[in-house]
All heavy atoms as atom14 arrays in JSON, in Angstrom:
{
  "sequence": "NQGVQFPIAEARIEIEAADLMRWEACRRFDAMEPCGAQANMAKHL",
  "atom14_mask": [
    [1, 1, 1, 1, 1, 1, 1, 1, 0, 0, 0, 0, 0, 0],
    [1, 1, 1, 1, 1, 1, 1, 1, 1, 0, 0, 0, 0, 0],
    [1, 1, 1, 1, 0, 0, 0, 0, 0, 0, 0, 0, 0, 0],
    [1, 1, 1, 1, 1, 1, 1, 0, 0, 0, 0, 0, 0, 0],
    [1, 1, 1, 1, 1, 1, 1, 1, 1, 0, 0, 0, 0, 0],
    [1, 1, 1, 1, 1, 1, 1, 1, 1, 1, 1, 0, 0, 0],
    [1, 1, 1, 1, 1, 1, 1, 0, 0, 0, 0, 0, 0, 0],
    [1, 1, 1, 1, 1, 1, 1, 1, 0, 0, 0, 0, 0, 0],
    [1, 1, 1, 1, 1, 0, 0, 0, 0, 0, 0, 0, 0, 0],
    [1, 1, 1, 1, 1, 1, 1, 1, 1, 0, 0, 0, 0, 0],
    [1, 1, 1, 1, 1, 0, 0, 0, 0, 0, 0, 0, 0, 0],
    [1, 1, 1, 1, 1, 1, 1, 1, 1, 1, 1, 0, 0, 0],
    [1, 1, 1, 1, 1, 1, 1, 1, 0, 0, 0, 0, 0, 0],
    [1, 1, 1, 1, 1, 1, 1, 1, 1, 0, 0, 0, 0, 0],
    [1, 1, 1, 1, 1, 1, 1, 1, 0, 0, 0, 0, 0, 0],
    [1, 1, 1, 1, 1, 1, 1, 1, 1, 0, 0, 0, 0, 0],
    [1, 1, 1, 1, 1, 0, 0, 0, 0, 0, 0, 0, 0, 0],
    [1, 1, 1, 1, 1, 0, 0, 0, 0, 0, 0, 0, 0, 0],
    [1, 1, 1, 1, 1, 1, 1, 1, 0, 0, 0, 0, 0, 0],
    [1, 1, 1, 1, 1, 1, 1, 1, 0, 0, 0, 0, 0, 0],
    [1, 1, 1, 1, 1, 1, 1, 1, 0, 0, 0, 0, 0, 0],
    [1, 1, 1, 1, 1, 1, 1, 1, 1, 1, 1, 0, 0, 0],
    [1, 1, 1, 1, 1, 1, 1, 1, 1, 1, 1, 1, 1, 1],
    [1, 1, 1, 1, 1, 1, 1, 1, 1, 0, 0, 0, 0, 0],
    [1, 1, 1, 1, 1, 0, 0, 0, 0, 0, 0, 0, 0, 0],
    [1, 1, 1, 1, 1, 1, 0, 0, 0, 0, 0, 0, 0, 0],
    [1, 1, 1, 1, 1, 1, 1, 1, 1, 1, 1, 0, 0, 0],
    [1, 1, 1, 1, 1, 1, 1, 1, 1, 1, 1, 0, 0, 0],
    [1, 1, 1, 1, 1, 1, 1, 1, 1, 1, 1, 0, 0, 0],
    [1, 1, 1, 1, 1, 1, 1, 1, 0, 0, 0, 0, 0, 0],
    [1, 1, 1, 1, 1, 0, 0, 0, 0, 0, 0, 0, 0, 0],
    [1, 1, 1, 1, 1, 1, 1, 1, 0, 0, 0, 0, 0, 0],
    [1, 1, 1, 1, 1, 1, 1, 1, 1, 0, 0, 0, 0, 0],
    [1, 1, 1, 1, 1, 1, 1, 0, 0, 0, 0, 0, 0, 0],
    [1, 1, 1, 1, 1, 1, 0, 0, 0, 0, 0, 0, 0, 0],
    [1, 1, 1, 1, 0, 0, 0, 0, 0, 0, 0, 0, 0, 0],
    [1, 1, 1, 1, 1, 0, 0, 0, 0, 0, 0, 0, 0, 0],
    [1, 1, 1, 1, 1, 1, 1, 1, 1, 0, 0, 0, 0, 0],
    [1, 1, 1, 1, 1, 0, 0, 0, 0, 0, 0, 0, 0, 0],
    [1, 1, 1, 1, 1, 1, 1, 1, 0, 0, 0, 0, 0, 0],
    [1, 1, 1, 1, 1, 1, 1, 1, 0, 0, 0, 0, 0, 0],
    [1, 1, 1, 1, 1, 0, 0, 0, 0, 0, 0, 0, 0, 0],
    [1, 1, 1, 1, 1, 1, 1, 1, 1, 0, 0, 0, 0, 0],
    [1, 1, 1, 1, 1, 1, 1, 1, 1, 1, 0, 0, 0, 0],
    [1, 1, 1, 1, 1, 1, 1, 1, 0, 0, 0, 0, 0, 0]
  ],
  "atom14_positions": [
    [[-20.11, -18.51, 0.27], [-20.49, -18.03, -1.06], [-19.36, -17.2, -1.67], [-18.8, -16.32, -1.02], [-21.75, -17.16, -0.97], [-22.93, -17.94, -0.41], [-23.33, -18.94, -0.97], [-23.47, -17.45, 0.71], [0.0, 0.0, 0.0], [0.0, 0.0, 0.0], [0.0, 0.0, 0.0], [0.0, 0.0, 0.0], [0.0, 0.0, 0.0], [0.0, 0.0, 0.0]],
    [[-19.06, -17.47, -2.94], [-17.99, -16.72, -3.6], [-18.34, -15.24, -3.71], [-17.45, -14.39, -3.69], [-17.73, -17.3, -5.0], [-17.05, -18.67, -4.96], [-16.7, -19.17, -6.35], [-17.19, -18.65, -7.36], [-15.86, -20.2, -6.41], [0.0, 0.0, 0.0], [0.0, 0.0, 0.0], [0.0, 0.0, 0.0], [0.0, 0.0, 0.0], [0.0, 0.0, 0.0]],
    [[-19.62, -14.93, -3.81], [-20.03, -13.53, -3.88], [-19.68, -12.76, -2.63], [-19.57, -11.53, -2.65], [0.0, 0.0, 0.0], [0.0, 0.0, 0.0], [0.0, 0.0, 0.0], [0.0, 0.0, 0.0], [0.0, 0.0, 0.0], [0.0, 0.0, 0.0], [0.0, 0.0, 0.0], [0.0, 0.0, 0.0], [0.0, 0.0, 0.0], [0.0, 0.0, 0.0]],
    [[-19.51, -13.46, -1.51], [-19.05, -12.84, -0.27], [-17.53, -12.94, -0.16], [-16.84, -11.98, 0.21], [-19.72, -13.52, 0.95], [-19.12, -13.02, 2.25], [-21.23, -13.28, 0.91], [0.0, 0.0, 0.0], [0.0, 0.0, 0.0], [0.0, 0.0, 0.0], [0.0, 0.0, 0.0], [0.0, 0.0, 0.0], [0.0, 0.0, 0.0], [0.0, 0.0, 0.0]],
    [[-16.99, -14.09, -0.51], [-15.55, -14.32, -0.37], [-14.72, -13.37, -1.23], [-13.72, -12.79, -0.75], [-15.21, -15.75, -0.78], [-15.72, -16.84, 0.14], [-15.34, -18.22, -0.36], [-14.72, -18.37, -1.42], [-15.71, -19.24, 0.41], [0.0, 0.0, 0.0], [0.0, 0.0, 0.0], [0.0, 0.0, 0.0], [0.0, 0.0, 0.0], [0.0, 0.0, 0.0]],
    [[-15.11, -13.22, -2.49], [-14.22, -12.54, -3.44], [-14.01, -11.06, -3.14], [-12.86, -10.58, -3.2], [-14.73, -12.73, -4.87], [-14.54, -14.14, -5.4], [-14.01, -15.15, -4.6], [-14.89, -14.45, -6.7], [-13.83, -16.43, -5.07], [-14.72, -15.74, -7.18], [-14.19, -16.73, -6.38], [0.0, 0.0, 0.0], [0.0, 0.0, 0.0], [0.0, 0.0, 0.0]],
    [[-15.04, -10.29, -2.79], [-14.77, -8.88, -2.44], [-13.88, -8.75, -1.21], [-13.05, -7.82, -1.13], [-16.17, -8.3, -2.19], [-17.08, -9.18, -2.97], [-16.49, -10.55, -2.88], [0.0, 0.0, 0.0], [0.0, 0.0, 0.0], [0.0, 0.0, 0.0], [0.0, 0.0, 0.0], [0.0, 0.0, 0.0], [0.0, 0.0, 0.0], [0.0, 0.0, 0.0]],
    [[-14.04, -9.66, -0.25], [-13.19, -9.61, 0.94], [-11.75, -9.95, 0.56], [-10.79, -9.3, 1.0], [-13.71, -10.57, 2.03], [-15.14, -10.2, 2.43], [-12.79, -10.54, 3.25], [-15.79, -11.21, 3.37], [0.0, 0.0, 0.0], [0.0, 0.0, 0.0], [0.0, 0.0, 0.0], [0.0, 0.0, 0.0], [0.0, 0.0, 0.0], [0.0, 0.0, 0.0]],
    [[-11.59, -10.99, -0.26], [-10.25, -11.37, -0.7], [-9.6, -10.25, -1.51], [-8.39, -9.97, -1.35], [-10.32, -12.65, -1.53], [0.0, 0.0, 0.0], [0.0, 0.0, 0.0], [0.0, 0.0, 0.0], [0.0, 0.0, 0.0], [0.0, 0.0, 0.0], [0.0, 0.0, 0.0], [0.0, 0.0, 0.0], [0.0, 0.0, 0.0], [0.0, 0.0, 0.0]],
    [[-10.39, -9.6, -2.37], [-9.87, -8.49, -3.17], [-9.38, -7.36, -2.28], [-8.3, -6.78, -2.49], [-10.96, -7.99, -4.11], [-10.5, -6.94, -5.11], [-9.75, -7.53, -6.3], [-10.02, -8.69, -6.65], [-8.89, -6.82, -6.85], [0.0, 0.0, 0.0], [0.0, 0.0, 0.0], [0.0, 0.0, 0.0], [0.0, 0.0, 0.0], [0.0, 0.0, 0.0]],
    [[-10.15, -7.05, -1.24], [-9.76, -5.98, -0.32], [-8.47, -6.35, 0.42], [-7.58, -5.5, 0.6], [-10.88, -5.71, 0.67], [0.0, 0.0, 0.0], [0.0, 0.0, 0.0], [0.0, 0.0, 0.0], [0.0, 0.0, 0.0], [0.0, 0.0, 0.0], [0.0, 0.0, 0.0], [0.0, 0.0, 0.0], [0.0, 0.0, 0.0], [0.0, 0.0, 0.0]],
    [[-8.36, -7.61, 0.84], [-7.14, -8.04, 1.55], [-5.92, -7.91, 0.64], [-4.85, -7.45, 1.07], [-7.32, -9.47, 2.03], [-6.07, -10.1, 2.66], [-5.57, -9.31, 3.88], [-4.4, -9.94, 4.44], [-4.42, -10.81, 5.47], [-5.57, -11.12, 6.02], [-3.31, -11.34, 5.92], [0.0, 0.0, 0.0], [0.0, 0.0, 0.0], [0.0, 0.0, 0.0]],
    [[-6.06, -8.29, -0.62], [-4.94, -8.17, -1.55], [-4.5, -6.72, -1.69], [-3.31, -6.39, -1.66], [-5.34, -8.75, -2.93], [-5.5, -10.28, -2.85], [-4.3, -8.4, -4.0], [-6.17, -10.89, -4.06], [0.0, 0.0, 0.0], [0.0, 0.0, 0.0], [0.0, 0.0, 0.0], [0.0, 0.0, 0.0], [0.0, 0.0, 0.0], [0.0, 0.0, 0.0]],
    [[-5.48, -5.82, -1.81], [-5.16, -4.4, -1.97], [-4.5, -3.83, -0.72], [-3.6, -2.98, -0.8], [-6.43, -3.62, -2.32], [-6.97, -3.94, -3.71], [-8.18, -3.12, -4.06], [-8.59, -2.26, -3.24], [-8.73, -3.31, -5.16], [0.0, 0.0, 0.0], [0.0, 0.0, 0.0], [0.0, 0.0, 0.0], [0.0, 0.0, 0.0], [0.0, 0.0, 0.0]],
    [[-4.93, -4.28, 0.45], [-4.32, -3.8, 1.69], [-2.86, -4.23, 1.77], [-1.97, -3.44, 2.12], [-5.1, -4.33, 2.91], [-6.49, -3.69, 2.95], [-4.36, -4.03, 4.21], [-7.45, -4.41, 3.88], [0.0, 0.0, 0.0], [0.0, 0.0, 0.0], [0.0, 0.0, 0.0], [0.0, 0.0, 0.0], [0.0, 0.0, 0.0], [0.0, 0.0, 0.0]],
    [[-2.59, -5.49, 1.44], [-1.21, -5.98, 1.51], [-0.33, -5.25, 0.5], [0.84, -4.94, 0.78], [-1.17, -7.49, 1.25], [-1.87, -8.32, 2.33], [-1.09, -8.41, 3.64], [-0.08, -7.68, 3.8], [-1.49, -9.2, 4.51], [0.0, 0.0, 0.0], [0.0, 0.0, 0.0], [0.0, 0.0, 0.0], [0.0, 0.0, 0.0], [0.0, 0.0, 0.0]],
    [[-0.86, -4.96, -0.7], [-0.08, -4.23, -1.7], [0.21, -2.81, -1.23], [1.33, -2.3, -1.39], [-0.84, -4.22, -3.03], [0.0, 0.0, 0.0], [0.0, 0.0, 0.0], [0.0, 0.0, 0.0], [0.0, 0.0, 0.0], [0.0, 0.0, 0.0], [0.0, 0.0, 0.0], [0.0, 0.0, 0.0], [0.0, 0.0, 0.0], [0.0, 0.0, 0.0]],
    [[-0.79, -2.16, -0.64], [-0.59, -0.81, -0.12], [0.46, -0.8, 0.99], [1.25, 0.15, 1.11], [-1.91, -0.25, 0.41], [0.0, 0.0, 0.0], [0.0, 0.0, 0.0], [0.0, 0.0, 0.0], [0.0, 0.0, 0.0], [0.0, 0.0, 0.0], [0.0, 0.0, 0.0], [0.0, 0.0, 0.0], [0.0, 0.0, 0.0], [0.0, 0.0, 0.0]],
    [[0.48, -1.86, 1.78], [1.43, -1.96, 2.88], [2.87, -1.94, 2.35], [3.76, -1.32, 2.95], [1.17, -3.25, 3.65], [1.75, -3.21, 5.05], [1.99, -2.1, 5.57], [1.97, -4.29, 5.63], [0.0, 0.0, 0.0], [0.0, 0.0, 0.0], [0.0, 0.0, 0.0], [0.0, 0.0, 0.0], [0.0, 0.0, 0.0], [0.0, 0.0, 0.0]],
    [[3.11, -2.6, 1.23], [4.46, -2.61, 0.66], [4.9, -1.21, 0.25], [6.05, -0.82, 0.47], [4.5, -3.55, -0.55], [4.24, -5.04, -0.25], [4.2, -5.84, -1.54], [5.31, -5.59, 0.69], [0.0, 0.0, 0.0], [0.0, 0.0, 0.0], [0.0, 0.0, 0.0], [0.0, 0.0, 0.0], [0.0, 0.0, 0.0], [0.0, 0.0, 0.0]],
    [[4.01, -0.43, -0.33], [4.36, 0.94, -0.7], [4.56, 1.8, 0.54], [5.41, 2.7, 0.55], [3.27, 1.54, -1.6], [3.6, 2.93, -2.12], [5.14, 3.02, -3.07], [4.61, 2.3, -4.62], [0.0, 0.0, 0.0], [0.0, 0.0, 0.0], [0.0, 0.0, 0.0], [0.0, 0.0, 0.0], [0.0, 0.0, 0.0], [0.0, 0.0, 0.0]],
    [[3.81, 1.53, 1.6], [4.02, 2.26, 2.86], [5.45, 2.08, 3.35], [6.1, 3.05, 3.76], [3.01, 1.79, 3.92], [3.16, 2.42, 5.3], [4.04, 1.59, 6.25], [3.38, 0.37, 6.63], [2.82, 0.14, 7.81], [2.84, 1.08, 8.72], [2.27, -1.02, 8.08], [0.0, 0.0, 0.0], [0.0, 0.0, 0.0], [0.0, 0.0, 0.0]],
    [[5.95, 0.84, 3.33], [7.29, 0.58, 3.83], [8.34, 1.28, 2.96], [9.35, 1.78, 3.47], [7.58, -0.91, 3.9], [6.75, -1.63, 4.91], [5.85, -2.63, 4.68], [6.71, -1.39, 6.33], [5.26, -3.02, 5.85], [5.77, -2.28, 6.88], [7.37, -0.5, 7.17], [5.48, -2.31, 8.25], [7.08, -0.53, 8.53], [6.15, -1.42, 9.05]],
    [[8.11, 1.33, 1.65], [9.07, 2.01, 0.78], [9.06, 3.51, 1.04], [10.13, 4.15, 1.07], [8.73, 1.72, -0.69], [9.61, 2.46, -1.7], [11.09, 2.12, -1.62], [11.47, 1.19, -0.87], [11.88, 2.8, -2.3], [0.0, 0.0, 0.0], [0.0, 0.0, 0.0], [0.0, 0.0, 0.0], [0.0, 0.0, 0.0], [0.0, 0.0, 0.0]],
    [[7.89, 4.1, 1.26], [7.83, 5.52, 1.59], [8.55, 5.8, 2.9], [9.29, 6.78, 3.02], [6.37, 5.97, 1.67], [0.0, 0.0, 0.0], [0.0, 0.0, 0.0], [0.0, 0.0, 0.0], [0.0, 0.0, 0.0], [0.0, 0.0, 0.0], [0.0, 0.0, 0.0], [0.0, 0.0, 0.0], [0.0, 0.0, 0.0], [0.0, 0.0, 0.0]],
    [[8.34, 4.94, 3.9], [9.03, 5.1, 5.18], [10.54, 4.99, 5.02], [11.31, 5.78, 5.6], [8.53, 4.06, 6.18], [6.86, 4.32, 6.8], [0.0, 0.0, 0.0], [0.0, 0.0, 0.0], [0.0, 0.0, 0.0], [0.0, 0.0, 0.0], [0.0, 0.0, 0.0], [0.0, 0.0, 0.0], [0.0, 0.0, 0.0], [0.0, 0.0, 0.0]],
    [[10.97, 3.99, 4.26], [12.41, 3.79, 4.07], [13.05, 5.02, 3.46], [14.1, 5.49, 3.94], [12.65, 2.57, 3.17], [14.13, 2.23, 2.99], [14.35, 1.26, 1.86], [14.08, 1.85, 0.56], [14.9, 2.69, -0.07], [16.05, 3.05, 0.48], [14.59, 3.17, -1.26], [0.0, 0.0, 0.0], [0.0, 0.0, 0.0], [0.0, 0.0, 0.0]],
    [[12.44, 5.56, 2.43], [13.01, 6.72, 1.76], [12.97, 7.96, 2.66], [13.93, 8.74, 2.68], [12.28, 6.98, 0.44], [12.46, 5.85, -0.58], [11.68, 6.14, -1.85], [12.31, 7.22, -2.6], [13.21, 7.06, -3.56], [13.61, 5.83, -3.89], [13.72, 8.09, -4.18], [0.0, 0.0, 0.0], [0.0, 0.0, 0.0], [0.0, 0.0, 0.0]],
    [[11.89, 8.15, 3.39], [11.81, 9.3, 4.3], [12.89, 9.22, 5.36], [13.59, 10.2, 5.62], [10.43, 9.35, 4.96], [10.21, 10.56, 5.83], [9.63, 11.71, 5.3], [10.58, 10.56, 7.17], [9.44, 12.84, 6.1], [10.38, 11.68, 7.97], [9.81, 12.82, 7.43], [0.0, 0.0, 0.0], [0.0, 0.0, 0.0], [0.0, 0.0, 0.0]],
    [[13.04, 8.05, 5.97], [14.03, 7.89, 7.05], [15.46, 8.0, 6.53], [16.38, 8.37, 7.28], [13.82, 6.55, 7.76], [12.58, 6.56, 8.64], [12.13, 7.65, 9.05], [12.03, 5.46, 8.9], [0.0, 0.0, 0.0], [0.0, 0.0, 0.0], [0.0, 0.0, 0.0], [0.0, 0.0, 0.0], [0.0, 0.0, 0.0], [0.0, 0.0, 0.0]],
    [[15.66, 7.68, 5.25], [16.99, 7.78, 4.64], [17.24, 9.17, 4.07], [18.29, 9.39, 3.44], [17.14, 6.74, 3.54], [0.0, 0.0, 0.0], [0.0, 0.0, 0.0], [0.0, 0.0, 0.0], [0.0, 0.0, 0.0], [0.0, 0.0, 0.0], [0.0, 0.0, 0.0], [0.0, 0.0, 0.0], [0.0, 0.0, 0.0], [0.0, 0.0, 0.0]],
    [[16.31, 10.11, 4.27], [16.41, 11.48, 3.76], [16.45, 11.5, 2.23], [17.06, 12.38, 1.62], [17.63, 12.19, 4.35], [17.7, 12.21, 5.85], [16.53, 13.41, 6.58], [17.37, 14.96, 6.27], [0.0, 0.0, 0.0], [0.0, 0.0, 0.0], [0.0, 0.0, 0.0], [0.0, 0.0, 0.0], [0.0, 0.0, 0.0], [0.0, 0.0, 0.0]],
    [[15.83, 10.52, 1.6], [15.74, 10.47, 0.14], [14.42, 11.08, -0.31], [13.45, 11.09, 0.45], [15.83, 9.01, -0.35], [17.13, 8.32, -0.04], [17.11, 6.85, -0.45], [16.14, 6.43, -1.12], [18.06, 6.13, -0.11], [0.0, 0.0, 0.0], [0.0, 0.0, 0.0], [0.0, 0.0, 0.0], [0.0, 0.0, 0.0], [0.0, 0.0, 0.0]],
    [[14.34, 11.57, -1.55], [13.06, 12.07, -2.06], [11.98, 10.99, -1.95], [12.22, 9.84, -2.35], [13.37, 12.42, -3.51], [14.84, 12.66, -3.55], [15.43, 11.7, -2.55], [0.0, 0.0, 0.0], [0.0, 0.0, 0.0], [0.0, 0.0, 0.0], [0.0, 0.0, 0.0], [0.0, 0.0, 0.0], [0.0, 0.0, 0.0], [0.0, 0.0, 0.0]],
    [[10.83, 11.36, -1.41], [9.8, 10.33, -1.18], [8.39, 10.83, -1.5], [7.41, 10.2, -1.11], [9.86, 9.85, 0.27], [9.48, 11.12, 1.49], [0.0, 0.0, 0.0], [0.0, 0.0, 0.0], [0.0, 0.0, 0.0], [0.0, 0.0, 0.0], [0.0, 0.0, 0.0], [0.0, 0.0, 0.0], [0.0, 0.0, 0.0], [0.0, 0.0, 0.0]],
    [[8.3, 11.96, -2.22], [6.99, 12.49, -2.52], [6.11, 11.52, -3.29], [4.93, 11.34, -2.96], [0.0, 0.0, 0.0], [0.0, 0.0, 0.0], [0.0, 0.0, 0.0], [0.0, 0.0, 0.0], [0.0, 0.0, 0.0], [0.0, 0.0, 0.0], [0.0, 0.0, 0.0], [0.0, 0.0, 0.0], [0.0, 0.0, 0.0], [0.0, 0.0, 0.0]],
    [[6.66, 10.88, -4.31], [5.87, 9.94, -5.11], [5.43, 8.76, -4.27], [4.27, 8.34, -4.32], [6.69, 9.48, -6.31], [0.0, 0.0, 0.0], [0.0, 0.0, 0.0], [0.0, 0.0, 0.0], [0.0, 0.0, 0.0], [0.0, 0.0, 0.0], [0.0, 0.0, 0.0], [0.0, 0.0, 0.0], [0.0, 0.0, 0.0], [0.0, 0.0, 0.0]],
    [[6.35, 8.22, -3.48], [6.03, 7.04, -2.69], [5.01, 7.36, -1.59], [4.1, 6.57, -1.33], [7.31, 6.46, -2.07], [8.27, 5.85, -3.07], [9.04, 6.88, -3.89], [9.12, 8.06, -3.5], [9.59, 6.47, -5.0], [0.0, 0.0, 0.0], [0.0, 0.0, 0.0], [0.0, 0.0, 0.0], [0.0, 0.0, 0.0], [0.0, 0.0, 0.0]],
    [[5.15, 8.52, -0.95], [4.2, 8.92, 0.09], [2.81, 9.09, -0.49], [1.81, 8.64, 0.1], [4.66, 10.2, 0.77], [0.0, 0.0, 0.0], [0.0, 0.0, 0.0], [0.0, 0.0, 0.0], [0.0, 0.0, 0.0], [0.0, 0.0, 0.0], [0.0, 0.0, 0.0], [0.0, 0.0, 0.0], [0.0, 0.0, 0.0], [0.0, 0.0, 0.0]],
    [[2.72, 9.73, -1.65], [1.43, 9.93, -2.28], [0.82, 8.61, -2.74], [-0.38, 8.37, -2.57], [1.56, 10.88, -3.47], [1.55, 12.34, -3.05], [0.54, 12.86, -2.61], [2.69, 13.01, -3.18], [0.0, 0.0, 0.0], [0.0, 0.0, 0.0], [0.0, 0.0, 0.0], [0.0, 0.0, 0.0], [0.0, 0.0, 0.0], [0.0, 0.0, 0.0]],
    [[1.63, 7.75, -3.34], [1.13, 6.46, -3.8], [0.66, 5.6, -2.64], [-0.37, 4.92, -2.72], [2.21, 5.73, -4.6], [2.53, 6.34, -5.95], [3.84, 5.4, -6.77], [4.07, 6.38, -8.26], [0.0, 0.0, 0.0], [0.0, 0.0, 0.0], [0.0, 0.0, 0.0], [0.0, 0.0, 0.0], [0.0, 0.0, 0.0], [0.0, 0.0, 0.0]],
    [[1.44, 5.6, -1.56], [1.05, 4.8, -0.4], [-0.28, 5.27, 0.16], [-1.16, 4.45, 0.48], [2.14, 4.89, 0.68], [0.0, 0.0, 0.0], [0.0, 0.0, 0.0], [0.0, 0.0, 0.0], [0.0, 0.0, 0.0], [0.0, 0.0, 0.0], [0.0, 0.0, 0.0], [0.0, 0.0, 0.0], [0.0, 0.0, 0.0], [0.0, 0.0, 0.0]],
    [[-0.45, 6.57, 0.27], [-1.7, 7.11, 0.79], [-2.86, 6.76, -0.12], [-3.95, 6.37, 0.32], [-1.57, 8.62, 0.98], [-2.68, 9.26, 1.81], [-3.81, 9.74, 0.95], [-4.91, 10.4, 1.76], [-6.02, 10.89, 0.91], [0.0, 0.0, 0.0], [0.0, 0.0, 0.0], [0.0, 0.0, 0.0], [0.0, 0.0, 0.0], [0.0, 0.0, 0.0]],
    [[-2.66, 6.89, -1.42], [-3.72, 6.59, -2.39], [-4.13, 5.12, -2.32], [-5.32, 4.79, -2.23], [-3.22, 6.93, -3.8], [-4.19, 6.59, -4.88], [-5.26, 7.39, -5.2], [-4.27, 5.52, -5.72], [-5.95, 6.85, -6.18], [-5.37, 5.71, -6.52], [0.0, 0.0, 0.0], [0.0, 0.0, 0.0], [0.0, 0.0, 0.0], [0.0, 0.0, 0.0]],
    [[-3.15, 4.24, -2.36], [-3.44, 2.81, -2.35], [-4.1, 2.38, -1.05], [-5.06, 1.59, -1.05], [-2.15, 2.01, -2.56], [-1.51, 2.1, -3.96], [-0.14, 1.44, -3.94], [-2.39, 1.44, -5.01], [0.0, 0.0, 0.0], [0.0, 0.0, 0.0], [0.0, 0.0, 0.0], [0.0, 0.0, 0.0], [0.0, 0.0, 0.0], [0.0, 0.0, 0.0]]
  ]
}
């Protein structure tokens, strides 16, 4: 049923998008670059 499929698919999309911001926050932190915005956005997403 699409009523079951779509919320699960929506959640998966959001998880994958959040994952990309996580990697950017990590990259900036490890490079000693300012990362406050990225860390906060990653946590929020």
